[in-house]
Amino acid sequence: MNNTAEQFIATSKANAQALEGLASQAHASIEKLVELNVTASKALLGESFSHVQAVLGAKDAQEFLALQSGALKPLAEKSVAYFQHVQTILAAGGAEFAKAVEAKTVEAQKAFNGVVENLAKNAPAGTESAVAAFKSALTAGQSAVESAQASAKKAVEAAQSQFTAVTTQAVDAVKKATQAA
């Protein structure tokens, strides 16, 4: 029985370490997004003040309109580039996270199954039906987890696909708008 407790403790420790690693990965992705946002907002602030100064220095309405229309193209291009960076960060972080979760889930299931098998071997005589019912419930639970993981994976893939489609449409719209200008 002591061996089972040790296995459970070892599995729990490994799972806690895995969770720490996943949290670190998520934190790294968030740091990248924050860094991107700070850089983008700093650049936008500087460019906005430069543009305002240029507009205030316009000599006539024609120069004013030229400055205004000239500012749209770079702004649109930078917006598209920003969204592409966000997509890259999210896709990379999501892929790493999903791969790590998948691997740890398989590992945890194997470890837990080992603990259950050990418990079944050491179960008192006459409890075979209870052990069989427990194993059956465990198998059903694992199937439900696998199904939920598959659904979550499909949902993430669909969301990434939609984000890619929206970004592509934005890029195309910017290209068309800047070609017309």
Protein backbone atom coordinates (compact mmCIF):
# COMPACT_ATOMS: atom_id res chain seq x y z
CA MET A 1 0.00 0.00 0.00
CA ASN A 2 2.92 2.31 0.72
CA ASN A 3 4.13 1.81 -2.85
CA THR A 4 0.80 3.11 -4.17
CA ALA A 5 1.01 6.23 -2.01
CA GLU A 6 4.56 6.85 -3.22
CA GLN A 7 3.42 6.46 -6.84
CA PHE A 8 0.56 8.87 -6.26
CA ILE A 9 2.87 11.43 -4.62
CA ALA A 10 5.42 11.11 -7.44
CA THR A 11 2.69 11.53 -10.04
CA SER A 12 1.30 14.56 -8.22
CA LYS A 13 4.75 16.16 -8.06
CA ALA A 14 5.33 15.53 -11.76
CA ASN A 15 1.95 17.02 -12.59
CA ALA A 16 2.67 20.09 -10.45
CA GLN A 17 5.98 20.56 -12.27
CA ALA A 18 4.23 20.17 -15.61
CA LEU A 19 1.64 22.76 -14.58
CA GLU A 20 4.45 25.11 -13.61
CA GLY A 21 6.01 24.63 -17.04
CA LEU A 22 2.70 25.28 -18.79
CA ALA A 23 2.15 28.41 -16.72
CA SER A 24 5.64 29.60 -17.66
CA GLN A 25 4.89 29.03 -21.35
CA ALA A 26 1.63 30.95 -21.07
CA HIS A 27 3.42 33.74 -19.21
CA ALA A 28 6.08 33.94 -21.96
CA SER A 29 3.37 34.37 -24.59
CA ILE A 30 1.70 37.06 -22.52
CA GLU A 31 5.05 38.83 -22.11
CA LYS A 32 5.50 38.80 -25.88
CA LEU A 33 2.03 40.30 -26.37
CA VAL A 34 2.68 42.97 -23.75
CA GLU A 35 6.03 43.81 -25.34
CA LEU A 36 4.38 44.06 -28.76
CA ASN A 37 1.63 46.30 -27.37
CA VAL A 38 4.07 48.59 -25.58
CA THR A 39 6.24 48.90 -28.68
CA ALA A 40 3.24 49.49 -30.95
CA SER A 41 1.64 52.06 -28.66
CA LYS A 42 4.94 53.92 -28.20
CA ALA A 43 5.45 54.07 -31.98
CA LEU A 44 1.84 55.12 -32.55
CA LEU A 45 2.10 57.88 -29.97
CA GLY A 46 5.25 59.30 -31.52
CA GLU A 47 3.86 59.09 -35.04
CA SER A 48 0.57 60.67 -33.97
CA PHE A 49 2.28 63.71 -32.47
CA SER A 50 4.51 64.07 -35.52
CA HIS A 51 1.44 63.92 -37.75
CA VAL A 52 -0.45 66.46 -35.64
CA GLN A 53 2.50 68.84 -35.84
CA ALA A 54 2.68 68.39 -39.62
CA VAL A 55 -1.08 68.98 -39.98
CA LEU A 56 -0.91 72.09 -37.82
CA GLY A 57 1.87 73.37 -40.05
CA ALA A 58 -0.15 72.90 -43.24
CA LYS A 59 -0.24 76.05 -45.34
CA ASP A 60 -3.55 75.39 -47.09
CA ALA A 61 -6.46 72.95 -47.36
CA GLN A 62 -4.82 70.98 -50.17
CA GLU A 63 -1.69 70.31 -48.09
CA PHE A 64 -3.90 69.44 -45.12
CA LEU A 65 -5.84 66.86 -47.17
CA ALA A 66 -2.64 65.44 -48.64
CA LEU A 67 -1.20 64.96 -45.15
CA GLN A 68 -4.39 63.31 -43.93
CA SER A 69 -4.71 60.90 -46.85
CA GLY A 70 -0.97 60.16 -46.76
CA ALA A 71 -1.23 59.04 -43.14
CA LEU A 72 -3.86 56.39 -43.84
CA LYS A 73 -1.71 54.00 -45.87
CA PRO A 74 1.11 53.58 -43.31
CA LEU A 75 -1.43 53.31 -40.49
CA ALA A 76 -3.32 50.55 -42.29
CA GLU A 77 -0.11 48.69 -43.13
CA LYS A 78 1.10 48.91 -39.52
CA SER A 79 -2.26 47.68 -38.26
CA VAL A 80 -2.04 44.63 -40.51
CA ALA A 81 1.53 43.96 -39.40
CA TYR A 82 0.45 44.26 -35.76
CA PHE A 83 -2.33 41.72 -36.20
CA GLN A 84 0.02 39.36 -38.00
CA HIS A 85 2.44 39.59 -35.05
CA VAL A 86 -0.39 38.89 -32.62
CA GLN A 87 -1.46 35.90 -34.69
CA THR A 88 2.10 34.54 -34.77
CA ILE A 89 2.50 34.90 -31.01
CA LEU A 90 -0.85 33.29 -30.27
CA ALA A 91 -0.35 30.45 -32.74
CA ALA A 92 3.13 29.61 -31.44
CA GLY A 93 2.09 29.82 -27.81
CA GLY A 94 -1.07 27.84 -28.41
CA ALA A 95 0.74 25.10 -30.30
CA GLU A 96 3.40 24.71 -27.59
CA PHE A 97 0.76 24.71 -24.88
CA ALA A 98 -1.42 22.14 -26.65
CA LYS A 99 1.52 19.85 -27.33
CA ALA A 100 2.69 20.02 -23.71
CA VAL A 101 -0.81 19.43 -22.33
CA GLU A 102 -1.35 16.49 -24.65
CA ALA A 103 1.95 14.86 -23.66
CA LYS A 104 1.37 15.41 -19.95
CA THR A 105 -2.17 14.09 -20.16
CA VAL A 106 -0.98 10.84 -21.73
CA GLU A 107 1.80 10.57 -19.15
CA ALA A 108 -0.59 11.27 -16.27
CA GLN A 109 -3.09 8.70 -17.56
CA LYS A 110 -0.38 6.04 -17.73
CA ALA A 111 0.81 6.85 -14.22
CA PHE A 112 -2.72 6.88 -12.86
CA ASN A 113 -3.51 3.57 -14.59
CA GLY A 114 -0.40 2.12 -12.94
CA VAL A 115 -1.63 3.26 -9.54
CA VAL A 116 -5.07 1.77 -10.20
CA GLU A 117 -3.54 -1.54 -11.33
CA ASN A 118 -1.43 -1.62 -8.19
CA LEU A 119 -4.49 -0.93 -6.06
CA ALA A 120 -6.39 -3.68 -7.87
CA LYS A 121 -3.60 -6.18 -7.22
CA ASN A 122 -3.55 -5.30 -3.53
CA ALA A 123 -7.34 -5.13 -3.09
CA PRO A 124 -8.79 -7.38 -0.41
CA ALA A 125 -10.41 -10.63 -1.50
CA GLY A 126 -14.09 -10.32 -2.42
CA THR A 127 -13.78 -6.78 -3.80
CA GLU A 128 -13.27 -7.84 -7.41
CA SER A 129 -16.64 -6.49 -8.56
CA ALA A 130 -16.01 -3.12 -6.89
CA VAL A 131 -12.55 -2.94 -8.49
CA ALA A 132 -14.04 -3.83 -11.89
CA ALA A 133 -16.71 -1.13 -11.50
CA PHE A 134 -14.04 1.39 -10.52
CA LYS A 135 -11.90 0.46 -13.55
CA SER A 136 -14.95 0.75 -15.80
CA ALA A 137 -15.74 4.20 -14.41
CA LEU A 138 -12.11 5.22 -14.85
CA THR A 139 -12.13 4.08 -18.48
CA ALA A 140 -15.34 6.02 -19.13
CA GLY A 141 -13.83 9.10 -17.49
CA GLN A 142 -10.69 8.85 -19.57
CA SER A 143 -12.78 8.52 -22.72
CA ALA A 144 -14.71 11.64 -21.77
CA VAL A 145 -11.45 13.55 -21.18
CA GLU A 146 -10.08 12.42 -24.55
CA SER A 147 -13.30 13.49 -26.25
CA ALA A 148 -13.18 16.89 -24.53
CA GLN A 149 -9.53 17.31 -25.56
CA ALA A 150 -10.37 16.50 -29.17
CA SER A 151 -13.23 19.01 -29.12
CA ALA A 152 -11.02 21.68 -27.56
CA LYS A 153 -8.32 21.04 -30.15
CA LYS A 154 -10.85 21.41 -32.96
CA ALA A 155 -12.17 24.64 -31.41
CA VAL A 156 -8.66 26.09 -31.17
CA GLU A 157 -7.92 25.11 -34.77
CA ALA A 158 -11.18 26.70 -35.92
CA ALA A 159 -10.43 29.89 -33.98
CA GLN A 160 -6.93 30.09 -35.44
CA SER A 161 -8.34 29.50 -38.91
CA GLN A 162 -10.89 32.29 -38.45
CA PHE A 163 -8.21 34.65 -37.12
CA THR A 164 -6.02 33.84 -40.12
CA ALA A 165 -8.93 34.46 -42.49
CA VAL A 166 -9.74 37.81 -40.87
CA THR A 167 -6.09 38.86 -41.00
CA THR A 168 -5.86 37.85 -44.66
CA GLN A 169 -9.00 39.84 -45.45
CA ALA A 170 -7.58 42.85 -43.63
CA VAL A 171 -4.30 42.59 -45.55
CA ASP A 172 -6.19 42.36 -48.84
CA ALA A 173 -8.39 45.33 -47.93
CA VAL A 174 -5.35 47.41 -47.03
CA LYS A 175 -3.62 46.48 -50.27
CA LYS A 176 -6.68 47.43 -52.28
CA ALA A 177 -7.16 50.68 -50.37
CA THR A 178 -3.54 51.71 -50.68
CA GLN A 179 -3.44 50.89 -54.38
CA ALA A 180 -6.49 53.05 -54.96
CA ALA A 181 -4.97 55.98 -53.05
